């Protein structure tokens, strides 16, 4: 017999599932996190999970949506400065700070297969709910810099986003650079920032 949940129960259990998922997905990923682990702290049966979320991927997406405004706030200060070499370098450093301080997004960026699994299951339009908080402000900032003649105009803003994210790849692979990592990172950020200025 199906359990009937009150509105208060639903709100409490949903919040607990999101909290638990955020922690477990950051630590061990989508595939290695079991439904048993997800539901245990909320006190519901494994079968009751589906009264709240259609799948683990749906829950993963909701964690992304919930975390996106927090990540957007980390980047907001960098986006308040008019584009310049220093501002673009600062923006990349803010992106790196977000990557290194947020375990959920660090895992998401270092394990693209998880994002692909989520996108396949929930669809790109649902995944796009994260875009207004993270991607849209960055793309708008770059497009405005291009319009103002400060940022190179011969590359689409979406591609420029990929260039900015390149610095994050160094952080993910920091063990390959040894004791020179910080110098390599600074030099890369500065070179990329200079290269993006018109």
N, C-alpha and C. Protein backbone atom coordinates (compact mmCIF):
# COMPACT_ATOMS: atom_id res chain seq x y z
N UNK A 1 0.84 -1.18 0.00
CA UNK A 1 0.00 0.00 0.00
C UNK A 1 0.89 1.25 0.00
N UNK A 2 0.58 2.20 -0.86
CA UNK A 2 1.37 3.41 -0.99
C UNK A 2 1.19 4.30 0.25
N UNK A 3 2.30 4.93 0.64
CA UNK A 3 2.28 5.83 1.79
C UNK A 3 1.81 7.20 1.32
N UNK A 4 0.88 7.80 2.07
CA UNK A 4 0.43 9.16 1.75
C UNK A 4 1.26 10.13 2.58
N UNK A 5 1.89 11.07 1.90
CA UNK A 5 2.73 12.06 2.58
C UNK A 5 1.98 13.39 2.66
N UNK A 6 2.04 14.02 3.81
CA UNK A 6 1.46 15.35 3.94
C UNK A 6 2.36 16.35 3.22
N UNK A 7 1.87 17.54 3.02
CA UNK A 7 2.68 18.59 2.38
C UNK A 7 3.93 18.87 3.20
N UNK A 8 3.80 18.90 4.53
CA UNK A 8 4.96 19.12 5.40
C UNK A 8 5.96 17.98 5.27
N UNK A 9 5.44 16.74 5.24
CA UNK A 9 6.31 15.57 5.06
C UNK A 9 7.07 15.67 3.74
N UNK A 10 6.35 16.03 2.69
CA UNK A 10 6.97 16.11 1.36
C UNK A 10 8.09 17.16 1.34
N UNK A 11 7.82 18.31 1.94
CA UNK A 11 8.82 19.37 1.97
C UNK A 11 10.05 18.94 2.76
N UNK A 12 9.83 18.35 3.92
CA UNK A 12 10.93 17.91 4.78
C UNK A 12 11.74 16.81 4.10
N UNK A 13 11.07 15.82 3.55
CA UNK A 13 11.76 14.69 2.92
C UNK A 13 12.50 15.14 1.65
N UNK A 14 11.87 15.98 0.87
CA UNK A 14 12.53 16.49 -0.34
C UNK A 14 13.81 17.23 0.02
N UNK A 15 13.74 18.10 1.03
CA UNK A 15 14.93 18.84 1.47
C UNK A 15 16.01 17.87 1.96
N UNK A 16 15.62 16.85 2.68
CA UNK A 16 16.60 15.88 3.20
C UNK A 16 17.22 15.08 2.07
N UNK A 17 16.41 14.69 1.10
CA UNK A 17 16.95 13.97 -0.05
C UNK A 17 17.95 14.84 -0.82
N UNK A 18 17.63 16.11 -0.99
CA UNK A 18 18.54 17.02 -1.68
C UNK A 18 19.85 17.19 -0.91
N UNK A 19 19.75 17.37 0.41
CA UNK A 19 20.95 17.52 1.24
C UNK A 19 21.83 16.28 1.14
N UNK A 20 21.20 15.13 1.29
CA UNK A 20 21.94 13.86 1.25
C UNK A 20 22.57 13.65 -0.12
N UNK A 21 21.80 13.92 -1.18
CA UNK A 21 22.31 13.73 -2.54
C UNK A 21 23.49 14.65 -2.81
N UNK A 22 23.39 15.88 -2.38
CA UNK A 22 24.49 16.83 -2.61
C UNK A 22 25.78 16.29 -2.00
N UNK A 23 25.69 15.81 -0.80
CA UNK A 23 26.86 15.28 -0.10
C UNK A 23 27.39 14.01 -0.76
N UNK A 24 26.50 13.06 -1.05
CA UNK A 24 26.93 11.79 -1.61
C UNK A 24 27.40 11.91 -3.05
N UNK A 25 26.69 12.69 -3.87
CA UNK A 25 27.11 12.85 -5.25
C UNK A 25 28.47 13.54 -5.33
N UNK A 26 28.73 14.50 -4.45
CA UNK A 26 30.03 15.17 -4.44
C UNK A 26 31.13 14.21 -4.04
N UNK A 27 30.85 13.34 -3.08
CA UNK A 27 31.88 12.44 -2.56
C UNK A 27 32.12 11.22 -3.43
N UNK A 28 31.04 10.62 -3.97
CA UNK A 28 31.24 9.36 -4.67
C UNK A 28 30.60 9.28 -6.04
N UNK A 29 29.88 10.30 -6.43
CA UNK A 29 29.34 10.34 -7.78
C UNK A 29 27.97 9.70 -7.93
N UNK A 30 27.42 9.88 -9.11
CA UNK A 30 26.08 9.42 -9.43
C UNK A 30 25.98 7.90 -9.41
N UNK A 31 26.86 7.22 -10.12
CA UNK A 31 26.76 5.78 -10.26
C UNK A 31 26.97 5.04 -8.95
N UNK A 32 27.92 5.49 -8.15
CA UNK A 32 28.26 4.76 -6.92
C UNK A 32 27.31 5.07 -5.76
N UNK A 33 26.47 6.06 -5.92
CA UNK A 33 25.50 6.39 -4.87
C UNK A 33 24.26 5.54 -5.07
N UNK A 34 23.92 4.77 -4.06
CA UNK A 34 22.75 3.88 -4.17
C UNK A 34 21.49 4.57 -3.64
N UNK A 35 20.36 4.05 -4.05
CA UNK A 35 19.08 4.56 -3.53
C UNK A 35 19.00 4.34 -2.03
N UNK A 36 19.52 3.22 -1.55
CA UNK A 36 19.51 2.95 -0.11
C UNK A 36 20.22 4.06 0.65
N UNK A 37 21.37 4.49 0.14
CA UNK A 37 22.13 5.56 0.79
C UNK A 37 21.37 6.88 0.74
N UNK A 38 20.70 7.12 -0.37
CA UNK A 38 19.97 8.38 -0.52
C UNK A 38 18.77 8.48 0.41
N UNK A 39 18.04 7.38 0.57
CA UNK A 39 16.79 7.46 1.35
C UNK A 39 16.99 7.25 2.84
N UNK A 40 18.08 6.61 3.25
CA UNK A 40 18.26 6.27 4.68
C UNK A 40 18.11 7.48 5.61
N UNK A 41 18.78 8.60 5.37
CA UNK A 41 18.65 9.73 6.30
C UNK A 41 17.24 10.33 6.36
N UNK A 42 16.47 10.17 5.30
CA UNK A 42 15.12 10.75 5.29
C UNK A 42 14.08 9.83 5.92
N UNK A 43 14.45 8.57 6.17
CA UNK A 43 13.55 7.65 6.85
C UNK A 43 12.44 7.09 5.97
N UNK A 44 12.61 7.14 4.66
CA UNK A 44 11.59 6.57 3.77
C UNK A 44 12.12 5.27 3.17
N UNK A 45 11.22 4.46 2.67
CA UNK A 45 11.59 3.23 1.99
C UNK A 45 12.14 3.57 0.60
N UNK A 46 12.95 2.65 0.09
CA UNK A 46 13.55 2.87 -1.22
C UNK A 46 12.48 3.10 -2.29
N UNK A 47 11.40 2.36 -2.25
CA UNK A 47 10.33 2.52 -3.23
C UNK A 47 9.64 3.87 -3.16
N UNK A 48 9.67 4.48 -1.97
CA UNK A 48 9.03 5.79 -1.80
C UNK A 48 9.83 6.92 -2.44
N UNK A 49 11.09 6.64 -2.75
CA UNK A 49 11.93 7.65 -3.42
C UNK A 49 11.22 8.20 -4.65
N UNK A 50 10.56 7.31 -5.39
CA UNK A 50 9.95 7.70 -6.66
C UNK A 50 8.70 8.54 -6.50
N UNK A 51 8.24 8.70 -5.29
CA UNK A 51 7.15 9.64 -5.02
C UNK A 51 7.69 11.08 -5.00
N UNK A 52 9.02 11.20 -4.93
CA UNK A 52 9.66 12.51 -4.84
C UNK A 52 10.45 12.87 -6.10
N UNK A 53 11.14 11.89 -6.67
CA UNK A 53 11.96 12.12 -7.86
C UNK A 53 11.79 10.93 -8.80
N UNK A 54 11.81 11.19 -10.09
CA UNK A 54 11.64 10.13 -11.08
C UNK A 54 12.84 9.20 -11.15
N UNK A 55 14.03 9.74 -10.82
CA UNK A 55 15.26 8.96 -10.94
C UNK A 55 16.36 9.64 -10.14
N UNK A 56 17.49 8.94 -10.00
CA UNK A 56 18.66 9.56 -9.37
C UNK A 56 19.14 10.74 -10.20
N UNK A 57 19.05 10.61 -11.52
CA UNK A 57 19.48 11.69 -12.40
C UNK A 57 18.64 12.94 -12.21
N UNK A 58 17.34 12.75 -12.00
CA UNK A 58 16.45 13.88 -11.73
C UNK A 58 16.86 14.57 -10.43
N UNK A 59 17.19 13.79 -9.42
CA UNK A 59 17.65 14.34 -8.14
C UNK A 59 18.97 15.09 -8.33
N UNK A 60 19.87 14.53 -9.11
CA UNK A 60 21.17 15.15 -9.40
C UNK A 60 20.95 16.52 -10.04
N UNK A 61 20.03 16.56 -11.02
CA UNK A 61 19.73 17.82 -11.70
C UNK A 61 19.18 18.85 -10.72
N UNK A 62 18.32 18.41 -9.81
CA UNK A 62 17.75 19.34 -8.82
C UNK A 62 18.82 19.86 -7.87
N UNK A 63 19.81 19.04 -7.55
CA UNK A 63 20.93 19.52 -6.74
C UNK A 63 21.69 20.59 -7.52
N UNK A 64 21.91 20.36 -8.81
CA UNK A 64 22.58 21.36 -9.65
C UNK A 64 21.81 22.67 -9.66
N UNK A 65 20.48 22.58 -9.84
CA UNK A 65 19.64 23.77 -9.87
C UNK A 65 19.70 24.51 -8.54
N UNK A 66 19.68 23.77 -7.45
CA UNK A 66 19.73 24.38 -6.11
C UNK A 66 21.08 25.05 -5.85
N UNK A 67 22.16 24.47 -6.34
CA UNK A 67 23.50 25.01 -6.09
C UNK A 67 23.88 26.15 -7.04
N UNK A 68 23.24 26.21 -8.20
CA UNK A 68 23.63 27.19 -9.22
C UNK A 68 23.64 28.63 -8.73
N UNK A 69 22.62 29.10 -7.99
CA UNK A 69 22.67 30.49 -7.53
C UNK A 69 23.86 30.77 -6.59
N UNK A 70 24.25 29.78 -5.81
CA UNK A 70 25.40 29.95 -4.92
C UNK A 70 26.67 30.12 -5.74
N UNK A 71 26.79 29.33 -6.80
CA UNK A 71 27.96 29.46 -7.66
C UNK A 71 27.92 30.79 -8.41
N UNK A 72 26.73 31.20 -8.82
CA UNK A 72 26.59 32.48 -9.50
C UNK A 72 27.04 33.63 -8.63
N UNK A 73 26.75 33.54 -7.32
CA UNK A 73 27.18 34.60 -6.40
C UNK A 73 28.70 34.68 -6.30
N UNK A 74 29.37 33.53 -6.37
CA UNK A 74 30.84 33.53 -6.34
C UNK A 74 31.42 34.29 -7.52
N UNK A 75 30.74 34.25 -8.65
CA UNK A 75 31.24 34.91 -9.86
C UNK A 75 30.75 36.35 -10.00
N UNK A 76 29.72 36.72 -9.26
CA UNK A 76 29.08 38.03 -9.44
C UNK A 76 30.04 39.19 -9.26
N UNK A 77 30.89 39.15 -8.25
CA UNK A 77 31.81 40.27 -8.00
C UNK A 77 32.77 40.45 -9.18
N UNK A 78 33.23 39.34 -9.74
CA UNK A 78 34.14 39.43 -10.88
C UNK A 78 33.44 40.01 -12.10
N UNK A 79 32.15 39.76 -12.23
CA UNK A 79 31.40 40.25 -13.38
C UNK A 79 31.00 41.72 -13.25
N UNK A 80 31.19 42.30 -12.07
CA UNK A 80 30.87 43.72 -11.86
C UNK A 80 31.94 44.65 -12.41
N UNK A 81 33.12 44.13 -12.68
CA UNK A 81 34.22 44.96 -13.18
C UNK A 81 34.16 45.03 -14.70
N UNK A 82 34.42 46.20 -15.29
CA UNK A 82 34.44 46.28 -16.75
C UNK A 82 35.56 45.40 -17.31
N UNK A 83 35.36 44.79 -18.48
CA UNK A 83 36.38 43.90 -19.04
C UNK A 83 37.72 44.59 -19.23
N UNK A 84 38.75 43.92 -18.81
CA UNK A 84 40.14 44.33 -18.98
C UNK A 84 40.97 43.08 -18.75
N UNK A 85 42.27 43.17 -18.96
CA UNK A 85 43.14 42.02 -18.69
C UNK A 85 42.99 41.61 -17.24
N UNK A 86 43.02 42.58 -16.33
CA UNK A 86 42.92 42.28 -14.90
C UNK A 86 41.55 41.68 -14.55
N UNK A 87 40.50 42.24 -15.15
CA UNK A 87 39.15 41.74 -14.85
C UNK A 87 38.96 40.31 -15.35
N UNK A 88 39.45 40.02 -16.57
CA UNK A 88 39.32 38.66 -17.10
C UNK A 88 40.15 37.67 -16.29
N UNK A 89 41.35 38.11 -15.87
CA UNK A 89 42.17 37.24 -15.02
C UNK A 89 41.46 37.00 -13.69
N UNK A 90 40.85 38.05 -13.14
CA UNK A 90 40.11 37.90 -11.89
C UNK A 90 38.91 36.98 -12.05
N UNK A 91 38.25 37.07 -13.21
CA UNK A 91 37.12 36.20 -13.48
C UNK A 91 37.56 34.73 -13.51
N UNK A 92 38.68 34.47 -14.19
CA UNK A 92 39.19 33.09 -14.22
C UNK A 92 39.57 32.60 -12.83
N UNK A 93 40.15 33.49 -12.04
CA UNK A 93 40.51 33.10 -10.66
C UNK A 93 39.25 32.81 -9.83
N UNK A 94 38.19 33.57 -10.06
CA UNK A 94 36.92 33.31 -9.37
C UNK A 94 36.35 31.96 -9.79
N UNK A 95 36.45 31.66 -11.08
CA UNK A 95 35.97 30.37 -11.57
C UNK A 95 36.77 29.24 -10.93
N UNK A 96 38.08 29.44 -10.81
CA UNK A 96 38.94 28.43 -10.18
C UNK A 96 38.61 28.28 -8.71
N UNK A 97 38.34 29.40 -8.05
CA UNK A 97 37.96 29.34 -6.64
C UNK A 97 36.68 28.52 -6.46
N UNK A 98 35.72 28.77 -7.35
CA UNK A 98 34.47 28.01 -7.29
C UNK A 98 34.75 26.52 -7.50
N UNK A 99 35.62 26.23 -8.44
CA UNK A 99 35.96 24.84 -8.75
C UNK A 99 36.66 24.17 -7.58
N UNK A 100 37.55 24.89 -6.92
CA UNK A 100 38.33 24.27 -5.85
C UNK A 100 37.62 24.26 -4.50
N UNK A 101 36.63 25.13 -4.31
CA UNK A 101 35.97 25.17 -3.00
C UNK A 101 34.64 24.44 -2.96
N UNK A 102 34.06 24.15 -4.11
CA UNK A 102 32.76 23.48 -4.13
C UNK A 102 32.93 22.04 -4.61
N UNK A 103 32.83 21.08 -3.69
CA UNK A 103 33.07 19.68 -4.08
C UNK A 103 32.08 19.14 -5.09
N UNK A 104 30.83 19.61 -5.04
CA UNK A 104 29.83 19.11 -5.98
C UNK A 104 30.18 19.54 -7.40
N UNK A 105 30.45 20.83 -7.60
CA UNK A 105 30.76 21.30 -8.95
C UNK A 105 32.13 20.82 -9.41
N UNK A 106 33.07 20.65 -8.49
CA UNK A 106 34.38 20.11 -8.88
C UNK A 106 34.19 18.71 -9.47
N UNK A 107 33.38 17.89 -8.81
CA UNK A 107 33.12 16.54 -9.32
C UNK A 107 32.38 16.61 -10.65
N UNK A 108 31.42 17.50 -10.74
CA UNK A 108 30.65 17.65 -11.97
C UNK A 108 31.56 18.01 -13.14
N UNK A 109 32.51 18.91 -12.92
CA UNK A 109 33.40 19.35 -13.99
C UNK A 109 34.47 18.32 -14.32
N UNK A 110 34.86 17.51 -13.33
CA UNK A 110 35.91 16.52 -13.57
C UNK A 110 35.37 15.18 -14.04
N UNK A 111 34.06 15.01 -13.96
CA UNK A 111 33.43 13.76 -14.39
C UNK A 111 32.31 14.07 -15.39
N UNK A 112 32.68 14.45 -16.63
CA UNK A 112 31.66 14.84 -17.60
C UNK A 112 30.69 13.71 -17.93
N UNK A 113 31.08 12.46 -17.69
CA UNK A 113 30.17 11.34 -17.94
C UNK A 113 28.93 11.41 -17.06
N UNK A 114 29.08 11.97 -15.85
CA UNK A 114 27.93 12.11 -14.97
C UNK A 114 26.94 13.13 -15.52
N UNK A 115 27.46 14.24 -15.99
CA UNK A 115 26.60 15.26 -16.58
C UNK A 115 25.90 14.71 -17.83
N UNK A 116 26.63 13.93 -18.62
CA UNK A 116 26.03 13.34 -19.82
C UNK A 116 24.90 12.37 -19.44
N UNK A 117 25.12 11.58 -18.38
CA UNK A 117 24.08 10.64 -17.93
C UNK A 117 22.83 11.40 -17.47
N UNK A 118 23.05 12.49 -16.76
CA UNK A 118 21.93 13.30 -16.29
C UNK A 118 21.19 13.92 -17.48
N UNK A 119 21.95 14.45 -18.43
CA UNK A 119 21.35 15.09 -19.61
C UNK A 119 20.53 14.08 -20.42
N UNK A 120 21.05 12.86 -20.56
CA UNK A 120 20.32 11.83 -21.31
C UNK A 120 19.00 11.50 -20.63
N UNK A 121 19.02 11.43 -19.32
CA UNK A 121 17.84 10.99 -18.58
C UNK A 121 16.78 12.10 -18.44
N UNK A 122 17.22 13.31 -18.12
CA UNK A 122 16.25 14.39 -17.83
C UNK A 122 16.02 15.31 -19.03
N UNK A 123 16.92 15.26 -20.00
CA UNK A 123 16.77 16.09 -21.18
C UNK A 123 17.48 17.43 -21.05
N UNK A 124 17.99 17.95 -22.16
CA UNK A 124 18.74 19.19 -22.14
C UNK A 124 17.93 20.40 -21.69
N UNK A 125 16.62 20.39 -21.97
CA UNK A 125 15.80 21.55 -21.58
C UNK A 125 15.69 21.65 -20.06
N UNK A 126 15.63 20.53 -19.38
CA UNK A 126 15.59 20.55 -17.91
C UNK A 126 16.95 20.96 -17.35
N UNK A 127 18.01 20.45 -17.96
CA UNK A 127 19.36 20.80 -17.52
C UNK A 127 19.64 22.28 -17.72
N UNK A 128 18.97 22.86 -18.70
CA UNK A 128 19.15 24.29 -19.00
C UNK A 128 18.66 25.19 -17.87
N UNK A 129 17.95 24.64 -16.89
CA UNK A 129 17.51 25.45 -15.76
C UNK A 129 18.69 25.99 -14.95
N UNK A 130 19.87 25.39 -15.12
CA UNK A 130 21.07 25.86 -14.42
C UNK A 130 21.66 27.07 -15.15
N UNK A 131 21.47 27.14 -16.45
CA UNK A 131 22.11 28.16 -17.30
C UNK A 131 21.92 29.59 -16.84
N UNK A 132 20.71 30.02 -16.45
CA UNK A 132 20.55 31.43 -16.08
C UNK A 132 21.44 31.87 -14.92
N UNK A 133 21.82 30.95 -14.07
CA UNK A 133 22.63 31.32 -12.91
C UNK A 133 24.12 31.31 -13.19
N UNK A 134 24.57 30.46 -14.10
CA UNK A 134 26.00 30.31 -14.32
C UNK A 134 26.45 30.79 -15.69
N UNK A 135 25.91 30.21 -16.72
CA UNK A 135 26.40 30.49 -18.06
C UNK A 135 25.92 31.82 -18.62
N UNK A 136 24.65 32.12 -18.45
CA UNK A 136 24.09 33.33 -19.05
C UNK A 136 24.82 34.60 -18.60
N UNK A 137 25.07 34.80 -17.29
CA UNK A 137 25.79 36.02 -16.90
C UNK A 137 27.19 36.11 -17.50
N UNK A 138 27.88 34.98 -17.60
CA UNK A 138 29.23 34.99 -18.19
C UNK A 138 29.18 35.30 -19.68
N UNK A 139 28.27 34.66 -20.37
CA UNK A 139 28.15 34.90 -21.82
C UNK A 139 27.73 36.34 -22.08
N UNK A 140 26.80 36.86 -21.29
CA UNK A 140 26.38 38.26 -21.44
C UNK A 140 27.55 39.21 -21.20
N UNK A 141 28.35 38.92 -20.18
CA UNK A 141 29.51 39.76 -19.86
C UNK A 141 30.49 39.79 -21.04
N UNK A 142 30.78 38.61 -21.59
CA UNK A 142 31.71 38.53 -22.71
C UNK A 142 31.13 39.22 -23.95
N UNK A 143 29.85 39.01 -24.22
CA UNK A 143 29.21 39.64 -25.38
C UNK A 143 29.22 41.16 -25.25
N UNK A 144 28.97 41.67 -24.04
CA UNK A 144 29.00 43.12 -23.83
C UNK A 144 30.41 43.65 -24.03
N UNK A 145 31.41 42.92 -23.55
CA UNK A 145 32.80 43.32 -23.77
C UNK A 145 33.16 43.35 -25.25
N UNK A 146 32.60 42.42 -26.01
CA UNK A 146 32.82 42.42 -27.45
C UNK A 146 32.13 43.63 -28.09
N UNK A 147 30.90 43.87 -27.68
CA UNK A 147 30.14 45.00 -28.21
C UNK A 147 30.84 46.33 -27.91
N UNK A 148 31.48 46.41 -26.75
CA UNK A 148 32.20 47.63 -26.36
C UNK A 148 33.57 47.75 -27.03
N UNK A 149 33.97 46.71 -27.77
CA UNK A 149 35.26 46.73 -28.45
C UNK A 149 36.44 46.40 -27.57
N UNK A 150 36.19 45.86 -26.39
CA UNK A 150 37.28 45.55 -25.46
C UNK A 150 37.75 44.12 -25.62
N UNK A 151 36.83 43.19 -25.85
CA UNK A 151 37.15 41.78 -25.99
C UNK A 151 37.12 41.42 -27.47
N UNK A 152 38.03 40.53 -27.88
CA UNK A 152 38.10 40.12 -29.29
C UNK A 152 36.71 39.75 -29.81
N UNK A 153 36.40 40.22 -31.01
CA UNK A 153 35.05 40.06 -31.54
C UNK A 153 34.93 38.91 -32.54
N UNK A 154 36.04 38.29 -32.91
CA UNK A 154 35.98 37.27 -33.96
C UNK A 154 35.72 35.86 -33.43
N UNK A 155 35.40 35.75 -32.15
CA UNK A 155 35.13 34.45 -31.54
C UNK A 155 33.79 34.56 -30.80
N UNK A 156 32.88 33.62 -31.02
CA UNK A 156 31.58 33.69 -30.32
C UNK A 156 31.75 33.65 -28.80
N UNK A 157 30.90 34.34 -28.05
CA UNK A 157 31.01 34.36 -26.59
C UNK A 157 31.00 32.97 -25.96
N UNK A 158 30.24 32.04 -26.55
CA UNK A 158 30.20 30.68 -26.01
C UNK A 158 31.55 29.99 -26.12
N UNK A 159 32.29 30.30 -27.18
CA UNK A 159 33.63 29.73 -27.35
C UNK A 159 34.59 30.40 -26.37
N UNK A 160 34.43 31.71 -26.18
CA UNK A 160 35.26 32.42 -25.20
C UNK A 160 35.07 31.83 -23.80
N UNK A 161 33.84 31.40 -23.50
CA UNK A 161 33.58 30.73 -22.22
C UNK A 161 34.48 29.52 -22.07
N UNK A 162 34.61 28.75 -23.14
CA UNK A 162 35.49 27.58 -23.13
C UNK A 162 36.92 27.96 -22.87
N UNK A 163 37.36 29.09 -23.44
CA UNK A 163 38.72 29.56 -23.21
C UNK A 163 38.91 29.88 -21.72
N UNK A 164 37.94 30.57 -21.12
CA UNK A 164 38.04 30.91 -19.70
C UNK A 164 38.10 29.64 -18.84
N UNK A 165 37.35 28.63 -19.24
CA UNK A 165 37.31 27.39 -18.46
C UNK A 165 38.61 26.60 -18.57
N UNK A 166 39.45 26.92 -19.55
CA UNK A 166 40.71 26.22 -19.73
C UNK A 166 41.57 26.28 -18.47
N UNK A 167 41.56 27.40 -17.79
CA UNK A 167 42.37 27.53 -16.57
C UNK A 167 41.94 26.48 -15.54
N UNK A 168 40.66 26.16 -15.50
CA UNK A 168 40.17 25.14 -14.59
C UNK A 168 40.75 23.77 -14.87
N UNK A 169 41.07 23.50 -16.14
CA UNK A 169 41.67 22.22 -16.49
C UNK A 169 43.03 22.06 -15.83
N UNK A 170 43.75 23.17 -15.69
CA UNK A 170 45.04 23.10 -15.00
C UNK A 170 44.86 22.68 -13.55
N UNK A 171 43.84 23.25 -12.91
CA UNK A 171 43.58 22.93 -11.50
C UNK A 171 43.23 21.46 -11.35
N UNK A 172 42.40 20.97 -12.24
CA UNK A 172 42.00 19.56 -12.18
C UNK A 172 43.21 18.65 -12.33
N UNK A 173 44.21 19.09 -13.11
CA UNK A 173 45.40 18.28 -13.38
C UNK A 173 46.64 18.83 -12.69
N UNK A 174 46.46 19.48 -11.56
CA UNK A 174 47.57 20.15 -10.89
C UNK A 174 48.72 19.22 -10.56
N UNK A 175 48.47 17.96 -10.28
CA UNK A 175 49.54 17.02 -9.92
C UNK A 175 50.53 16.81 -11.06
N UNK A 176 50.16 17.14 -12.26
CA UNK A 176 51.06 16.97 -13.41
C UNK A 176 52.08 18.08 -13.53
N UNK A 177 51.90 19.16 -12.76
CA UNK A 177 52.78 20.33 -12.90
C UNK A 177 53.81 20.46 -11.80
N UNK A 178 53.71 19.63 -10.78
CA UNK A 178 54.69 19.64 -9.71
C UNK A 178 54.75 20.96 -8.97
N UNK A 179 55.95 21.30 -8.48
CA UNK A 179 56.09 22.49 -7.64
C UNK A 179 55.89 23.82 -8.39
N UNK A 180 55.89 23.77 -9.72
CA UNK A 180 55.71 24.99 -10.51
C UNK A 180 54.24 25.30 -10.80
N UNK A 181 53.33 24.52 -10.21
CA UNK A 181 51.92 24.66 -10.56
C UNK A 181 51.41 26.09 -10.44
N UNK A 182 51.63 26.75 -9.32
CA UNK A 182 51.09 28.11 -9.12
C UNK A 182 51.61 29.07 -10.17
N UNK A 183 52.89 28.95 -10.51
CA UNK A 183 53.46 29.83 -11.54
C UNK A 183 52.86 29.53 -12.91
N UNK A 184 52.69 28.24 -13.21
CA UNK A 184 52.08 27.85 -14.49
C UNK A 184 50.65 28.38 -14.56
N UNK A 185 49.91 28.24 -13.47
CA UNK A 185 48.53 28.71 -13.44
C UNK A 185 48.46 30.22 -13.64
N UNK A 186 49.27 30.97 -12.91
CA UNK A 186 49.27 32.44 -13.05
C UNK A 186 49.64 32.85 -14.47
N UNK A 187 50.68 32.23 -15.03
CA UNK A 187 51.12 32.58 -16.38
C UNK A 187 50.03 32.25 -17.41
N UNK A 188 49.36 31.12 -17.23
CA UNK A 188 48.29 30.73 -18.15
C UNK A 188 47.13 31.70 -18.07
N UNK A 189 46.70 32.02 -16.86
CA UNK A 189 45.59 32.97 -16.68
C UNK A 189 45.92 34.31 -17.31
N UNK A 190 47.12 34.81 -17.06
CA UNK A 190 47.51 36.12 -17.61
C UNK A 190 47.61 36.08 -19.13
N UNK A 191 48.14 34.99 -19.68
CA UNK A 191 48.26 34.87 -21.13
C UNK A 191 46.87 34.79 -21.78
N UNK A 192 45.97 34.01 -21.18
CA UNK A 192 44.63 33.91 -21.73
C UNK A 192 43.90 35.25 -21.66
N UNK A 193 44.03 35.94 -20.53
CA UNK A 193 43.36 37.23 -20.38
C UNK A 193 43.88 38.24 -21.40
N UNK A 194 45.21 38.29 -21.59
CA UNK A 194 45.78 39.21 -22.59
C UNK A 194 45.31 38.87 -23.99
N UNK A 195 45.20 37.57 -24.27
CA UNK A 195 44.80 37.12 -25.59
C UNK A 195 43.35 37.41 -25.93
N UNK A 196 42.53 37.62 -24.91
CA UNK A 196 41.10 37.89 -25.13
C UNK A 196 40.80 39.37 -25.32
N UNK A 197 41.77 40.21 -25.03
CA UNK A 197 41.56 41.65 -25.17
C UNK A 197 41.82 42.07 -26.62
N UNK A 198 40.90 42.87 -27.15
CA UNK A 198 41.00 43.31 -28.55
C UNK A 198 42.22 44.21 -28.74
